[in-house]
Protein backbone atom coordinates (compact mmCIF):
# COMPACT_ATOMS: atom_id res chain seq x y z
CA UNK A 1 7.43 11.14 6.56
CA UNK A 2 8.76 11.44 3.53
CA UNK A 3 9.67 9.40 0.31
CA UNK A 4 13.76 9.36 -0.60
CA UNK A 5 12.77 11.74 -3.29
CA UNK A 6 11.59 14.12 -0.80
CA UNK A 7 7.70 14.17 -1.58
CA UNK A 8 5.50 13.91 1.54
CA UNK A 9 4.17 10.46 2.04
CA UNK A 10 0.30 10.55 2.19
CA UNK A 11 -2.51 8.28 2.42
CA UNK A 12 -3.81 7.32 -1.38
CA UNK A 13 -0.23 7.94 -3.06
CA UNK A 14 0.63 5.81 -6.02
CA UNK A 15 3.89 4.39 -5.37
CA UNK A 16 6.00 1.76 -7.08
CA UNK A 17 7.49 -1.24 -4.73
CA UNK A 18 10.23 -3.18 -6.17
CA UNK A 19 9.17 -1.73 -9.60
CA UNK A 20 5.50 -2.83 -9.17
CA UNK A 21 2.45 -0.73 -9.12
CA UNK A 22 0.93 0.01 -5.66
CA UNK A 23 -0.57 2.66 -3.85
CA UNK A 24 -0.28 3.79 0.16
CA UNK A 25 -3.38 2.53 1.99
CA UNK A 26 -3.07 4.70 5.10
CA UNK A 27 -0.31 6.35 7.22
CA UNK A 28 0.30 6.54 10.77
CA UNK A 29 1.43 9.72 12.28
CA UNK A 30 0.51 8.87 16.17
CA UNK A 31 3.01 6.20 17.34
CA UNK A 32 0.57 4.67 19.55
CA UNK A 33 -2.90 4.99 17.32
CA UNK A 34 -4.86 2.30 19.18
CA UNK A 35 -7.31 1.93 15.77
CA UNK A 36 -4.68 0.06 14.20
CA UNK A 37 -2.25 -0.89 17.03
CA UNK A 38 1.12 0.34 15.16
CA UNK A 39 3.56 1.35 17.50
CA UNK A 40 5.74 3.63 15.00
CA UNK A 41 4.92 6.39 12.70
CA UNK A 42 5.05 4.71 9.16
CA UNK A 43 2.82 3.75 6.37
CA UNK A 44 0.71 0.69 4.95
CA UNK A 45 1.77 -0.13 1.46
CA UNK A 46 -0.33 -2.14 -1.03
CA UNK A 47 1.25 -3.72 -3.82
CA UNK A 48 -1.02 -6.84 -4.75
CA UNK A 49 1.49 -8.56 -7.17
CA UNK A 50 3.97 -9.88 -4.75
CA UNK A 51 3.60 -8.13 -1.42
CA UNK A 52 0.04 -7.71 -0.79
CA UNK A 53 0.59 -5.40 2.16
CA UNK A 54 3.87 -4.06 3.71
CA UNK A 55 4.33 -1.76 6.71
CA UNK A 56 7.17 0.53 6.46
CA UNK A 57 8.40 2.79 9.74
CA UNK A 58 8.97 6.56 8.73
CA UNK A 59 12.73 5.76 9.02
CA UNK A 60 12.29 2.62 6.11
CA UNK A 61 10.50 4.96 3.92
CA UNK A 62 13.06 7.53 4.21
CA UNK A 63 15.70 4.86 3.24
CA UNK A 64 14.05 2.35 1.17
CA UNK A 65 15.72 2.13 -2.01
CA UNK A 66 12.81 -0.06 -3.80
CA UNK A 67 9.84 2.30 -2.72
CA UNK A 68 9.36 4.93 -5.70
CA UNK A 69 6.73 7.89 -5.42
CA UNK A 70 4.77 7.82 -8.50
CA UNK A 71 2.12 10.49 -7.77
CA UNK A 72 -0.96 11.56 -5.60
CA UNK A 73 -4.20 10.33 -5.64
CA UNK A 74 -6.57 11.54 -8.42
CA UNK A 75 -3.42 12.82 -10.60
CA UNK A 76 -2.97 11.29 -13.96
CA UNK A 77 -0.08 9.41 -14.88
CA UNK A 78 3.30 10.61 -15.37
């Protein structure tokens, strides 16, 4: 799974969703992970200002104009 910019989508990534700061709370790589109950690979994005939580499938992540990769968890600001 990759962002439009080409970086791999990883748990803990810092992102912007519709211009607001957020993070990747977890990723689903196995389409039948029973722990979460998601049927498709994707990522749960947390953006507390407007959306709260948003699950995007792997295909949506690659094409979602308003999701921007900012940095990896633990990296300094860019």
